[in-house]
Amino acid sequence: MYVRRCWLMVAVLRGAVYAMGGRHYRLVYRSVERYDCKSNQWSFISPMNTQRASAAAAVLNDKIYVAGGIDDTDFLNTVEVYDPDTDRWTFVAPMLSERRWFACVPFHGYLYALDPELSSSN
């Protein structure tokens, strides 16, 4: 990768690895890098609309969804989707609440946000 980052989101789509957002010290990124396994090469693609770290990413219907996380000051409830055919990020319906450090899982055509902080201890 070209950008050093932690708390990033990662997804695999069409045989490529995508590294999205994350942070380095106080700087929060919206940049996205794609790793092509065949050429063993990283390249930048269109950045997300929002800088975010500690978010969740999942692949559904041949697109990458990134949800929640934190920007440089706030927790986020926003969700954006990446279309590899157009190389564009678009906002979709937000989550009902802000969250970070959680997982998104695709299941039967829907994305589910799984948050251990909101789980019952019983």
PDB file of N, CA and C in Angstrom:
ATOM      1  N   MET A   1       0.834  -1.178   0.000  1.00  0.00           N
ATOM      2  CA  MET A   1       0.000   0.000   0.000  1.00  0.00           C
ATOM      3  C   MET A   1       0.879   1.240   0.000  1.00  0.00           C
ATOM      4  N   TYR A   2       0.310   2.300  -0.514  1.00  0.00           N
ATOM      5  CA  TYR A   2       1.044   3.557  -0.560  1.00  0.00           C
ATOM      6  C   TYR A   2       0.872   4.379   0.710  1.00  0.00           C
ATOM      7  N   VAL A   3      -0.293   4.225   1.368  1.00  0.00           N
ATOM      8  CA  VAL A   3      -0.604   5.019   2.547  1.00  0.00           C
ATOM      9  C   VAL A   3      -0.549   4.137   3.781  1.00  0.00           C
ATOM     10  N   ARG A   4       0.222   4.569   4.770  1.00  0.00           N
ATOM     11  CA  ARG A   4       0.285   3.862   6.048  1.00  0.00           C
ATOM     12  C   ARG A   4      -1.000   4.168   6.806  1.00  0.00           C
ATOM     13  N   ARG A   5      -1.715   3.117   7.239  1.00  0.00           N
ATOM     14  CA  ARG A   5      -2.998   3.329   7.908  1.00  0.00           C
ATOM     15  C   ARG A   5      -3.314   2.195   8.873  1.00  0.00           C
ATOM     16  N   CYS A   6      -4.020   2.531   9.925  1.00  0.00           N
ATOM     17  CA  CYS A   6      -4.558   1.539  10.847  1.00  0.00           C
ATOM     18  C   CYS A   6      -6.054   1.796  10.968  1.00  0.00           C
ATOM     19  N   TRP A   7      -6.783   0.905  11.619  1.00  0.00           N
ATOM     20  CA  TRP A   7      -8.233   1.011  11.796  1.00  0.00           C
ATOM     21  C   TRP A   7      -8.945   1.157  10.454  1.00  0.00           C
ATOM     22  N   LEU A   8      -8.385   0.535   9.417  1.00  0.00           N
ATOM     23  CA  LEU A   8      -8.945   0.605   8.082  1.00  0.00           C
ATOM     24  C   LEU A   8     -10.002  -0.474   7.889  1.00  0.00           C
ATOM     25  N   MET A   9     -10.728  -0.372   6.781  1.00  0.00           N
ATOM     26  CA  MET A   9     -11.696  -1.374   6.395  1.00  0.00           C
ATOM     27  C   MET A   9     -11.119  -2.120   5.199  1.00  0.00           C
ATOM     28  N   VAL A  10     -11.399  -3.410   5.120  1.00  0.00           N
ATOM     29  CA  VAL A  10     -10.868  -4.243   4.043  1.00  0.00           C
ATOM     30  C   VAL A  10     -12.002  -5.087   3.471  1.00  0.00           C
ATOM     31  N   ALA A  11     -11.999  -5.225   2.154  1.00  0.00           N
ATOM     32  CA  ALA A  11     -12.972  -6.090   1.479  1.00  0.00           C
ATOM     33  C   ALA A  11     -12.309  -6.699   0.252  1.00  0.00           C
ATOM     34  N   VAL A  12     -12.846  -7.827  -0.197  1.00  0.00           N
ATOM     35  CA  VAL A  12     -12.375  -8.486  -1.416  1.00  0.00           C
ATOM     36  C   VAL A  12     -13.530  -8.500  -2.409  1.00  0.00           C
ATOM     37  N   LEU A  13     -13.256  -7.994  -3.608  1.00  0.00           N
ATOM     38  CA  LEU A  13     -14.262  -7.940  -4.653  1.00  0.00           C
ATOM     39  C   LEU A  13     -13.601  -8.234  -5.994  1.00  0.00           C
ATOM     40  N   ARG A  14     -14.169  -9.165  -6.734  1.00  0.00           N
ATOM     41  CA  ARG A  14     -13.663  -9.533  -8.057  1.00  0.00           C
ATOM     42  C   ARG A  14     -12.173  -9.857  -8.047  1.00  0.00           C
ATOM     43  N   GLY A  15     -11.733 -10.536  -7.019  1.00  0.00           N
ATOM     44  CA  GLY A  15     -10.347 -10.977  -6.939  1.00  0.00           C
ATOM     45  C   GLY A  15      -9.354  -9.900  -6.553  1.00  0.00           C
ATOM     46  N   ALA A  16      -9.829  -8.727  -6.160  1.00  0.00           N
ATOM     47  CA  ALA A  16      -8.943  -7.649  -5.726  1.00  0.00           C
ATOM     48  C   ALA A  16      -9.224  -7.337  -4.261  1.00  0.00           C
ATOM     49  N   VAL A  17      -8.194  -6.879  -3.563  1.00  0.00           N
ATOM     50  CA  VAL A  17      -8.315  -6.490  -2.161  1.00  0.00           C
ATOM     51  C   VAL A  17      -8.421  -4.974  -2.097  1.00  0.00           C
ATOM     52  N   TYR A  18      -9.391  -4.475  -1.353  1.00  0.00           N
ATOM     53  CA  TYR A  18      -9.601  -3.036  -1.196  1.00  0.00           C
ATOM     54  C   TYR A  18      -9.282  -2.638   0.235  1.00  0.00           C
ATOM     55  N   ALA A  19      -8.450  -1.621   0.397  1.00  0.00           N
ATOM     56  CA  ALA A  19      -8.108  -1.052   1.699  1.00  0.00           C
ATOM     57  C   ALA A  19      -8.698   0.350   1.736  1.00  0.00           C
ATOM     58  N   MET A  20      -9.623   0.574   2.670  1.00  0.00           N
ATOM     59  CA  MET A  20     -10.413   1.805   2.653  1.00  0.00           C
ATOM     60  C   MET A  20     -10.273   2.574   3.954  1.00  0.00           C
ATOM     61  N   GLY A  21     -10.100   3.887   3.818  1.00  0.00           N
ATOM     62  CA  GLY A  21     -10.082   4.765   4.981  1.00  0.00           C
ATOM     63  C   GLY A  21      -8.985   4.424   5.961  1.00  0.00           C
ATOM     64  N   GLY A  22      -9.316   4.520   7.247  1.00  0.00           N
ATOM     65  CA  GLY A  22      -8.355   4.281   8.310  1.00  0.00           C
ATOM     66  C   GLY A  22      -7.740   5.584   8.791  1.00  0.00           C
ATOM     67  N   ARG A  23      -6.756   5.448   9.635  1.00  0.00           N
ATOM     68  CA  ARG A  23      -6.117   6.643  10.169  1.00  0.00           C
ATOM     69  C   ARG A  23      -4.636   6.407  10.382  1.00  0.00           C
ATOM     70  N   HIS A  24      -3.912   7.497  10.501  1.00  0.00           N
ATOM     71  CA  HIS A  24      -2.501   7.499  10.859  1.00  0.00           C
ATOM     72  C   HIS A  24      -2.316   8.660  11.820  1.00  0.00           C
ATOM     73  N   TYR A  25      -2.089   8.334  13.077  1.00  0.00           N
ATOM     74  CA  TYR A  25      -2.085   9.321  14.155  1.00  0.00           C
ATOM     75  C   TYR A  25      -3.409  10.061  14.157  1.00  0.00           C
ATOM     76  N   ARG A  26      -3.440  11.351  14.010  1.00  0.00           N
ATOM     77  CA  ARG A  26      -4.699  12.118  14.064  1.00  0.00           C
ATOM     78  C   ARG A  26      -5.374  12.291  12.697  1.00  0.00           C
ATOM     79  N   LEU A  27      -4.695  11.884  11.643  1.00  0.00           N
ATOM     80  CA  LEU A  27      -5.234  12.056  10.300  1.00  0.00           C
ATOM     81  C   LEU A  27      -6.142  10.879   9.940  1.00  0.00           C
ATOM     82  N   VAL A  28      -7.397  11.184   9.578  1.00  0.00           N
ATOM     83  CA  VAL A  28      -8.358  10.161   9.163  1.00  0.00           C
ATOM     84  C   VAL A  28      -8.515  10.259   7.646  1.00  0.00           C
ATOM     85  N   TYR A  29      -8.454   9.108   6.980  1.00  0.00           N
ATOM     86  CA  TYR A  29      -8.446   9.080   5.517  1.00  0.00           C
ATOM     87  C   TYR A  29      -9.808   8.773   4.926  1.00  0.00           C
ATOM     88  N   ARG A  30      -9.994   9.234   3.698  1.00  0.00           N
ATOM     89  CA  ARG A  30     -11.109   8.779   2.861  1.00  0.00           C
ATOM     90  C   ARG A  30     -10.569   8.082   1.616  1.00  0.00           C
ATOM     91  N   SER A  31      -9.257   7.992   1.501  1.00  0.00           N
ATOM     92  CA  SER A  31      -8.634   7.367   0.337  1.00  0.00           C
ATOM     93  C   SER A  31      -8.852   5.854   0.344  1.00  0.00           C
ATOM     94  N   VAL A  32      -8.809   5.286  -0.873  1.00  0.00           N
ATOM     95  CA  VAL A  32      -9.024   3.852  -1.062  1.00  0.00           C
ATOM     96  C   VAL A  32      -7.953   3.333  -2.010  1.00  0.00           C
ATOM     97  N   GLU A  33      -7.372   2.190  -1.645  1.00  0.00           N
ATOM     98  CA  GLU A  33      -6.383   1.537  -2.509  1.00  0.00           C
ATOM     99  C   GLU A  33      -6.870   0.137  -2.860  1.00  0.00           C
ATOM    100  N   ARG A  34      -6.574  -0.281  -4.085  1.00  0.00           N
ATOM    101  CA  ARG A  34      -6.956  -1.608  -4.567  1.00  0.00           C
ATOM    102  C   ARG A  34      -5.693  -2.387  -4.898  1.00  0.00           C
ATOM    103  N   TYR A  35      -5.640  -3.625  -4.408  1.00  0.00           N
ATOM    104  CA  TYR A  35      -4.513  -4.507  -4.701  1.00  0.00           C
ATOM    105  C   TYR A  35      -4.930  -5.531  -5.744  1.00  0.00           C
ATOM    106  N   ASP A  36      -4.239  -5.532  -6.866  1.00  0.00           N
ATOM    107  CA  ASP A  36      -4.466  -6.499  -7.940  1.00  0.00           C
ATOM    108  C   ASP A  36      -3.507  -7.661  -7.727  1.00  0.00           C
ATOM    109  N   CYS A  37      -4.054  -8.820  -7.397  1.00  0.00           N
ATOM    110  CA  CYS A  37      -3.220  -9.988  -7.093  1.00  0.00           C
ATOM    111  C   CYS A  37      -2.435 -10.475  -8.306  1.00  0.00           C
ATOM    112  N   LYS A  38      -3.019 -10.338  -9.505  1.00  0.00           N
ATOM    113  CA  LYS A  38      -2.340 -10.811 -10.706  1.00  0.00           C
ATOM    114  C   LYS A  38      -1.101  -9.992 -11.028  1.00  0.00           C
ATOM    115  N   SER A  39      -1.203  -8.682 -10.901  1.00  0.00           N
ATOM    116  CA  SER A  39      -0.058  -7.820 -11.213  1.00  0.00           C
ATOM    117  C   SER A  39       0.792  -7.497  -9.990  1.00  0.00           C
ATOM    118  N   ASN A  40       0.339  -7.932  -8.802  1.00  0.00           N
ATOM    119  CA  ASN A  40       1.040  -7.649  -7.555  1.00  0.00           C
ATOM    120  C   ASN A  40       1.260  -6.141  -7.385  1.00  0.00           C
ATOM    121  N   GLN A  41       0.183  -5.376  -7.627  1.00  0.00           N
ATOM    122  CA  GLN A  41       0.290  -3.917  -7.655  1.00  0.00           C
ATOM    123  C   GLN A  41      -0.874  -3.262  -6.912  1.00  0.00           C
ATOM    124  N   TRP A  42      -0.535  -2.230  -6.126  1.00  0.00           N
ATOM    125  CA  TRP A  42      -1.543  -1.385  -5.484  1.00  0.00           C
ATOM    126  C   TRP A  42      -1.810  -0.181  -6.370  1.00  0.00           C
ATOM    127  N   SER A  43      -3.062   0.301  -6.375  1.00  0.00           N
ATOM    128  CA  SER A  43      -3.401   1.536  -7.080  1.00  0.00           C
ATOM    129  C   SER A  43      -4.508   2.254  -6.309  1.00  0.00           C
ATOM    130  N   PHE A  44      -4.555   3.564  -6.452  1.00  0.00           N
ATOM    131  CA  PHE A  44      -5.619   4.348  -5.842  1.00  0.00           C
ATOM    132  C   PHE A  44      -6.854   4.289  -6.732  1.00  0.00           C
ATOM    133  N   ILE A  45      -8.019   4.229  -6.108  1.00  0.00           N
ATOM    134  CA  ILE A  45      -9.280   4.373  -6.822  1.00  0.00           C
ATOM    135  C   ILE A  45      -9.973   5.602  -6.239  1.00  0.00           C
ATOM    136  N   SER A  46     -11.196   5.881  -6.673  1.00  0.00           N
ATOM    137  CA  SER A  46     -11.912   7.039  -6.159  1.00  0.00           C
ATOM    138  C   SER A  46     -12.037   6.973  -4.639  1.00  0.00           C
ATOM    139  N   PRO A  47     -11.811   8.088  -3.971  1.00  0.00           N
ATOM    140  CA  PRO A  47     -11.933   8.101  -2.509  1.00  0.00           C
ATOM    141  C   PRO A  47     -13.396   8.048  -2.079  1.00  0.00           C
ATOM    142  N   MET A  48     -13.619   7.604  -0.859  1.00  0.00           N
ATOM    143  CA  MET A  48     -14.961   7.632  -0.288  1.00  0.00           C
ATOM    144  C   MET A  48     -15.406   9.088  -0.143  1.00  0.00           C
ATOM    145  N   ASN A  49     -16.686   9.291   0.043  1.00  0.00           N
ATOM    146  CA  ASN A  49     -17.216  10.639   0.257  1.00  0.00           C
ATOM    147  C   ASN A  49     -16.874  11.182   1.640  1.00  0.00           C
ATOM    148  N   THR A  50     -16.650  10.281   2.584  1.00  0.00           N
ATOM    149  CA  THR A  50     -16.406  10.654   3.975  1.00  0.00           C
ATOM    150  C   THR A  50     -15.113  10.034   4.461  1.00  0.00           C
ATOM    151  N   GLN A  51     -14.320  10.808   5.181  1.00  0.00           N
ATOM    152  CA  GLN A  51     -13.164  10.208   5.844  1.00  0.00           C
ATOM    153  C   GLN A  51     -13.704   9.378   7.008  1.00  0.00           C
ATOM    154  N   ARG A  52     -13.166   8.162   7.168  1.00  0.00           N
ATOM    155  CA  ARG A  52     -13.660   7.302   8.236  1.00  0.00           C
ATOM    156  C   ARG A  52     -12.634   6.241   8.599  1.00  0.00           C
ATOM    157  N   ALA A  53     -12.634   5.902   9.866  1.00  0.00           N
ATOM    158  CA  ALA A  53     -11.823   4.813  10.416  1.00  0.00           C
ATOM    159  C   ALA A  53     -12.717   4.028  11.364  1.00  0.00           C
ATOM    160  N   SER A  54     -12.308   2.827  11.715  1.00  0.00           N
ATOM    161  CA  SER A  54     -13.050   1.976  12.652  1.00  0.00           C
ATOM    162  C   SER A  54     -14.471   1.699  12.175  1.00  0.00           C
ATOM    163  N   ALA A  55     -14.660   1.640  10.869  1.00  0.00           N
ATOM    164  CA  ALA A  55     -15.967   1.371  10.281  1.00  0.00           C
ATOM    165  C   ALA A  55     -16.058  -0.114   9.926  1.00  0.00           C
ATOM    166  N   ALA A  56     -17.129  -0.488   9.242  1.00  0.00           N
ATOM    167  CA  ALA A  56     -17.311  -1.863   8.795  1.00  0.00           C
ATOM    168  C   ALA A  56     -17.485  -1.868   7.279  1.00  0.00           C
ATOM    169  N   ALA A  57     -17.011  -2.929   6.648  1.00  0.00           N
ATOM    170  CA  ALA A  57     -17.142  -3.079   5.199  1.00  0.00           C
ATOM    171  C   ALA A  57     -17.661  -4.472   4.884  1.00  0.00           C
ATOM    172  N   ALA A  58     -18.452  -4.551   3.816  1.00  0.00           N
ATOM    173  CA  ALA A  58     -18.972  -5.839   3.361  1.00  0.00           C
ATOM    174  C   ALA A  58     -19.271  -5.746   1.875  1.00  0.00           C
ATOM    175  N   VAL A  59     -19.276  -6.902   1.222  1.00  0.00           N
ATOM    176  CA  VAL A  59     -19.603  -6.978  -0.203  1.00  0.00           C
ATOM    177  C   VAL A  59     -20.992  -7.576  -0.345  1.00  0.00           C
ATOM    178  N   LEU A  60     -21.820  -6.897  -1.140  1.00  0.00           N
ATOM    179  CA  LEU A  60     -23.174  -7.364  -1.415  1.00  0.00           C
ATOM    180  C   LEU A  60     -23.530  -6.965  -2.837  1.00  0.00           C
ATOM    181  N   ASN A  61     -24.054  -7.908  -3.609  1.00  0.00           N
ATOM    182  CA  ASN A  61     -24.474  -7.641  -4.992  1.00  0.00           C
ATOM    183  C   ASN A  61     -23.373  -7.001  -5.831  1.00  0.00           C
ATOM    184  N   ASP A  62     -22.159  -7.520  -5.689  1.00  0.00           N
ATOM    185  CA  ASP A  62     -21.012  -7.081  -6.488  1.00  0.00           C
ATOM    186  C   ASP A  62     -20.631  -5.615  -6.243  1.00  0.00           C
ATOM    187  N   LYS A  63     -20.903  -5.130  -5.027  1.00  0.00           N
ATOM    188  CA  LYS A  63     -20.521  -3.779  -4.627  1.00  0.00           C
ATOM    189  C   LYS A  63     -19.985  -3.825  -3.206  1.00  0.00           C
ATOM    190  N   ILE A  64     -19.191  -2.816  -2.845  1.00  0.00           N
ATOM    191  CA  ILE A  64     -18.639  -2.721  -1.498  1.00  0.00           C
ATOM    192  C   ILE A  64     -19.418  -1.667  -0.721  1.00  0.00           C
ATOM    193  N   TYR A  65     -19.858  -2.046   0.465  1.00  0.00           N
ATOM    194  CA  TYR A  65     -20.539  -1.123   1.374  1.00  0.00           C
ATOM    195  C   TYR A  65     -19.619  -0.820   2.547  1.00  0.00           C
ATOM    196  N   VAL A  66     -19.554   0.446   2.923  1.00  0.00           N
ATOM    197  CA  VAL A  66     -18.800   0.868   4.101  1.00  0.00           C
ATOM    198  C   VAL A  66     -19.758   1.652   4.987  1.00  0.00           C
ATOM    199  N   ALA A  67     -19.804   1.284   6.266  1.00  0.00           N
ATOM    200  CA  ALA A  67     -20.785   1.869   7.178  1.00  0.00           C
ATOM    201  C   ALA A  67     -20.133   2.334   8.472  1.00  0.00           C
ATOM    202  N   GLY A  68     -20.657   3.452   8.988  1.00  0.00           N
ATOM    203  CA  GLY A  68     -20.281   3.928  10.305  1.00  0.00           C
ATOM    204  C   GLY A  68     -18.832   4.331  10.434  1.00  0.00           C
ATOM    205  N   GLY A  69     -18.301   4.109  11.638  1.00  0.00           N
ATOM    206  CA  GLY A  69     -16.930   4.471  11.955  1.00  0.00           C
ATOM    207  C   GLY A  69     -16.849   5.833  12.621  1.00  0.00           C
ATOM    208  N   ILE A  70     -15.676   6.423  12.531  1.00  0.00           N
ATOM    209  CA  ILE A  70     -15.445   7.745  13.094  1.00  0.00           C
ATOM    210  C   ILE A  70     -14.713   8.594  12.059  1.00  0.00           C
ATOM    211  N   ASP A  71     -15.015   9.891  12.055  1.00  0.00           N
ATOM    212  CA  ASP A  71     -14.197  10.807  11.260  1.00  0.00           C
ATOM    213  C   ASP A  71     -13.234  11.466  12.240  1.00  0.00           C
ATOM    214  N   ASP A  72     -12.799  12.655  12.000  1.00  0.00           N
ATOM    215  CA  ASP A  72     -11.830  13.248  12.926  1.00  0.00           C
ATOM    216  C   ASP A  72     -12.462  13.745  14.225  1.00  0.00           C
ATOM    217  N   THR A  73     -13.812  13.803  14.310  1.00  0.00           N
ATOM    218  CA  THR A  73     -14.438  14.306  15.542  1.00  0.00           C
ATOM    219  C   THR A  73     -15.660  13.527  16.002  1.00  0.00           C
ATOM    220  N   ASP A  74     -16.382  12.875  15.102  1.00  0.00           N
ATOM    221  CA  ASP A  74     -17.679  12.286  15.459  1.00  0.00           C
ATOM    222  C   ASP A  74     -17.792  10.818  15.067  1.00  0.00           C
ATOM    223  N   PHE A  75     -18.690  10.101  15.766  1.00  0.00           N
ATOM    224  CA  PHE A  75     -19.094   8.772  15.341  1.00  0.00           C
ATOM    225  C   PHE A  75     -20.056   8.959  14.175  1.00  0.00           C
ATOM    226  N   LEU A  76     -20.086   7.990  13.261  1.00  0.00           N
ATOM    227  CA  LEU A  76     -20.867   8.125  12.029  1.00  0.00           C
ATOM    228  C   LEU A  76     -21.970   7.076  11.935  1.00  0.00           C
ATOM    229  N   ASN A  77     -23.078   7.452  11.301  1.00  0.00           N
ATOM    230  CA  ASN A  77     -24.120   6.489  10.965  1.00  0.00           C
ATOM    231  C   ASN A  77     -24.273   6.363   9.445  1.00  0.00           C
ATOM    232  N   THR A  78     -23.459   7.103   8.703  1.00  0.00           N
ATOM    233  CA  THR A  78     -23.570   7.110   7.243  1.00  0.00           C
ATOM    234  C   THR A  78     -23.086   5.800   6.634  1.00  0.00           C
ATOM    235  N   VAL A  79     -23.644   5.502   5.451  1.00  0.00           N
ATOM    236  CA  VAL A  79     -23.282   4.300   4.704  1.00  0.00           C
ATOM    237  C   VAL A  79     -23.068   4.716   3.259  1.00  0.00           C
ATOM    238  N   GLU A  80     -21.975   4.236   2.662  1.00  0.00           N
ATOM    239  CA  GLU A  80     -21.731   4.495   1.242  1.00  0.00           C
ATOM    240  C   GLU A  80     -21.406   3.196   0.531  1.00  0.00           C
ATOM    241  N   VAL A  81     -21.678   3.189  -0.770  1.00  0.00           N
ATOM    242  CA  VAL A  81     -21.483   1.986  -1.572  1.00  0.00           C
ATOM    243  C   VAL A  81     -20.565   2.326  -2.742  1.00  0.00           C
ATOM    244  N   TYR A  82     -19.659   1.389  -3.044  1.00  0.00           N
ATOM    245  CA  TYR A  82     -18.729   1.554  -4.159  1.00  0.00           C
ATOM    246  C   TYR A  82     -19.147   0.639  -5.303  1.00  0.00           C
ATOM    247  N   ASP A  83     -19.276   1.220  -6.484  1.00  0.00           N
ATOM    248  CA  ASP A  83     -19.581   0.471  -7.697  1.00  0.00           C
ATOM    249  C   ASP A  83     -18.297   0.372  -8.522  1.00  0.00           C
ATOM    250  N   PRO A  84     -17.721  -0.820  -8.659  1.00  0.00           N
ATOM    251  CA  PRO A  84     -16.461  -0.949  -9.391  1.00  0.00           C
ATOM    252  C   PRO A  84     -16.607  -0.680 -10.894  1.00  0.00           C
ATOM    253  N   ASP A  85     -17.809  -0.765 -11.418  1.00  0.00           N
ATOM    254  CA  ASP A  85     -18.015  -0.505 -12.849  1.00  0.00           C
ATOM    255  C   ASP A  85     -17.934   0.986 -13.171  1.00  0.00           C
ATOM    256  N   THR A  86     -18.311   1.832 -12.223  1.00  0.00           N
ATOM    257  CA  THR A  86     -18.271   3.283 -12.448  1.00  0.00           C
ATOM    258  C   THR A  86     -17.169   3.972 -11.654  1.00  0.00           C
ATOM    259  N   ASP A  87     -16.522   3.243 -10.734  1.00  0.00           N
ATOM    260  CA  ASP A  87     -15.494   3.800  -9.842  1.00  0.00           C
ATOM    261  C   ASP A  87     -16.058   4.999  -9.062  1.00  0.00           C
ATOM    262  N   ARG A  88     -17.280   4.812  -8.508  1.00  0.00           N
ATOM    263  CA  ARG A  88     -17.935   5.887  -7.762  1.00  0.00           C
ATOM    264  C   ARG A  88     -18.475   5.380  -6.430  1.00  0.00           C
ATOM    265  N   TRP A  89     -18.395   6.273  -5.437  1.00  0.00           N
ATOM    266  CA  TRP A  89     -18.993   6.043  -4.133  1.00  0.00           C
ATOM    267  C   TRP A  89     -20.291   6.845  -4.052  1.00  0.00           C
ATOM    268  N   THR A  90     -21.342   6.228  -3.534  1.00  0.00           N
ATOM    269  CA  THR A  90     -22.643   6.874  -3.402  1.00  0.00           C
ATOM    270  C   THR A  90     -23.191   6.608  -2.003  1.00  0.00           C
ATOM    271  N   PHE A  91     -23.768   7.642  -1.391  1.00  0.00           N
ATOM    272  CA  PHE A  91     -24.427   7.443  -0.106  1.00  0.00           C
ATOM    273  C   PHE A  91     -25.724   6.670  -0.293  1.00  0.00           C
ATOM    274  N   VAL A  92     -26.019   5.778   0.648  1.00  0.00           N
ATOM    275  CA  VAL A  92     -27.291   5.077   0.708  1.00  0.00           C
ATOM    276  C   VAL A  92     -27.913   5.382   2.067  1.00  0.00           C
ATOM    277  N   ALA A  93     -29.016   4.760   2.387  1.00  0.00           N
ATOM    278  CA  ALA A  93     -29.707   5.040   3.643  1.00  0.00           C
ATOM    279  C   ALA A  93     -28.764   4.857   4.837  1.00  0.00           C
ATOM    280  N   PRO A  94     -28.789   5.800   5.779  1.00  0.00           N
ATOM    281  CA  PRO A  94     -27.915   5.691   6.952  1.00  0.00           C
ATOM    282  C   PRO A  94     -28.423   4.636   7.932  1.00  0.00           C
ATOM    283  N   MET A  95     -27.539   4.213   8.822  1.00  0.00           N
ATOM    284  CA  MET A  95     -27.944   3.331   9.913  1.00  0.00           C
ATOM    285  C   MET A  95     -28.768   4.144  10.912  1.00  0.00           C
ATOM    286  N   LEU A  96     -29.508   3.475  11.756  1.00  0.00           N
ATOM    287  CA  LEU A  96     -30.344   4.168  12.739  1.00  0.00           C
ATOM    288  C   LEU A  96     -29.526   4.834  13.842  1.00  0.00           C
ATOM    289  N   SER A  97     -28.320   4.341  14.066  1.00  0.00           N
ATOM    290  CA  SER A  97     -27.477   4.937  15.104  1.00  0.00           C
ATOM    291  C   SER A  97     -26.021   4.948  14.657  1.00  0.00           C
ATOM    292  N   GLU A  98     -25.264   5.852  15.252  1.00  0.00           N
ATOM    293  CA  GLU A  98     -23.826   5.909  14.983  1.00  0.00           C
ATOM    294  C   GLU A  98     -23.166   4.703  15.647  1.00  0.00           C
ATOM    295  N   ARG A  99     -22.115   4.213  15.022  1.00  0.00           N
ATOM    296  CA  ARG A  99     -21.378   3.106  15.636  1.00  0.00           C
ATOM    297  C   ARG A  99     -19.986   2.987  15.039  1.00  0.00           C
ATOM    298  N   ARG A 100     -19.113   2.366  15.784  1.00  0.00           N
ATOM    299  CA  ARG A 100     -17.755   2.051  15.345  1.00  0.00           C
ATOM    300  C   ARG A 100     -17.385   0.704  15.944  1.00  0.00           C
ATOM    301  N   TRP A 101     -16.294   0.112  15.456  1.00  0.00           N
ATOM    302  CA  TRP A 101     -15.814  -1.184  15.937  1.00  0.00           C
ATOM    303  C   TRP A 101     -16.939  -2.220  15.920  1.00  0.00           C
ATOM    304  N   PHE A 102     -17.518  -2.434  14.759  1.00  0.00           N
ATOM    305  CA  PHE A 102     -18.582  -3.407  14.600  1.00  0.00           C
ATOM    306  C   PHE A 102     -18.356  -4.135  13.276  1.00  0.00           C
ATOM    307  N   ALA A 103     -19.242  -5.029  12.928  1.00  0.00           N
ATOM    308  CA  ALA A 103     -19.116  -5.775  11.672  1.00  0.00           C
ATOM    309  C   ALA A 103     -20.391  -5.651  10.863  1.00  0.00           C
ATOM    310  N   CYS A 104     -20.251  -5.672   9.542  1.00  0.00           N
ATOM    311  CA  CYS A 104     -21.389  -5.767   8.622  1.00  0.00           C
ATOM    312  C   CYS A 104     -21.304  -7.125   7.943  1.00  0.00           C
ATOM    313  N   VAL A 105     -22.439  -7.779   7.859  1.00  0.00           N
ATOM    314  CA  VAL A 105     -22.495  -9.108   7.264  1.00  0.00           C
ATOM    315  C   VAL A 105     -23.628  -9.155   6.236  1.00  0.00           C
ATOM    316  N   PRO A 106     -23.332  -9.589   5.008  1.00  0.00           N
ATOM    317  CA  PRO A 106     -24.424  -9.761   4.037  1.00  0.00           C
ATOM    318  C   PRO A 106     -25.128 -11.095   4.275  1.00  0.00           C
ATOM    319  N   PHE A 107     -26.463 -11.068   4.206  1.00  0.00           N
ATOM    320  CA  PHE A 107     -27.225 -12.294   4.420  1.00  0.00           C
ATOM    321  C   PHE A 107     -28.563 -12.155   3.710  1.00  0.00           C
ATOM    322  N   HIS A 108     -28.822 -13.038   2.754  1.00  0.00           N
ATOM    323  CA  HIS A 108     -30.084 -13.064   1.998  1.00  0.00           C
ATOM    324  C   HIS A 108     -30.448 -11.695   1.411  1.00  0.00           C
ATOM    325  N   GLY A 109     -29.455 -11.016   0.832  1.00  0.00           N
ATOM    326  CA  GLY A 109     -29.720  -9.768   0.136  1.00  0.00           C
ATOM    327  C   GLY A 109     -29.763  -8.525   1.004  1.00  0.00           C
ATOM    328  N   TYR A 110     -29.466  -8.658   2.292  1.00  0.00           N
ATOM    329  CA  TYR A 110     -29.461  -7.523   3.203  1.00  0.00           C
ATOM    330  C   TYR A 110     -28.117  -7.434   3.922  1.00  0.00           C
ATOM    331  N   LEU A 111     -27.798  -6.237   4.396  1.00  0.00           N
ATOM    332  CA  LEU A 111     -26.623  -6.052   5.249  1.00  0.00           C
ATOM    333  C   LEU A 111     -27.080  -5.933   6.690  1.00  0.00           C
ATOM    334  N   TYR A 112     -26.400  -6.641   7.566  1.00  0.00           N
ATOM    335  CA  TYR A 112     -26.699  -6.593   8.989  1.00  0.00           C
ATOM    336  C   TYR A 112     -25.506  -6.017   9.729  1.00  0.00           C
ATOM    337  N   ALA A 113     -25.765  -5.050  10.595  1.00  0.00           N
ATOM    338  CA  ALA A 113     -24.724  -4.464  11.437  1.00  0.00           C
ATOM    339  C   ALA A 113     -24.715  -5.219  12.761  1.00  0.00           C
ATOM    340  N   LEU A 114     -23.582  -5.830  13.079  1.00  0.00           N
ATOM    341  CA  LEU A 114     -23.434  -6.607  14.307  1.00  0.00           C
ATOM    342  C   LEU A 114     -22.509  -5.847  15.233  1.00  0.00           C
ATOM    343  N   ASP A 115     -23.037  -5.429  16.365  1.00  0.00           N
ATOM    344  CA  ASP A 115     -22.300  -4.548  17.277  1.00  0.00           C
ATOM    345  C   ASP A 115     -22.233  -5.183  18.651  1.00  0.00           C
ATOM    346  N   PRO A 116     -21.043  -5.632  19.084  1.00  0.00           N
ATOM    347  CA  PRO A 116     -20.938  -6.282  20.391  1.00  0.00           C
ATOM    348  C   PRO A 116     -21.260  -5.325  21.541  1.00  0.00           C
ATOM    349  N   GLU A 117     -21.089  -4.025  21.349  1.00  0.00           N
ATOM    350  CA  GLU A 117     -21.395  -3.072  22.426  1.00  0.00           C
ATOM    351  C   GLU A 117     -22.894  -2.972  22.668  1.00  0.00           C
ATOM    352  N   LEU A 118     -23.718  -3.312  21.683  1.00  0.00           N
ATOM    353  CA  LEU A 118     -25.165  -3.220  21.823  1.00  0.00           C
ATOM    354  C   LEU A 118     -25.792  -4.552  22.185  1.00  0.00           C
ATOM    355  N   SER A 119     -24.973  -5.615  22.286  1.00  0.00           N
ATOM    356  CA  SER A 119     -25.495  -6.936  22.585  1.00  0.00           C
ATOM    357  C   SER A 119     -25.860  -7.069  24.062  1.00  0.00           C
ATOM    358  N   SER A 120     -26.824  -7.910  24.317  1.00  0.00           N
ATOM    359  CA  SER A 120     -27.212  -8.205  25.691  1.00  0.00           C
ATOM    360  C   SER A 120     -26.151  -9.076  26.339  1.00  0.00           C
ATOM    361  N   SER A 121     -25.917  -8.893  27.610  1.00  0.00           N
ATOM    362  CA  SER A 121     -24.921  -9.708  28.321  1.00  0.00           C
ATOM    363  C   SER A 121     -25.518 -11.012  28.807  1.00  0.00           C
ATOM    364  N   ASN A 122     -26.809 -11.248  28.584  1.00  0.00           N
ATOM    365  CA  ASN A 122     -27.455 -12.485  29.029  1.00  0.00           C
ATOM    366  C   ASN A 122     -27.237 -13.606  28.065  1.00  0.00           C
TER     367      ASN A 122
END
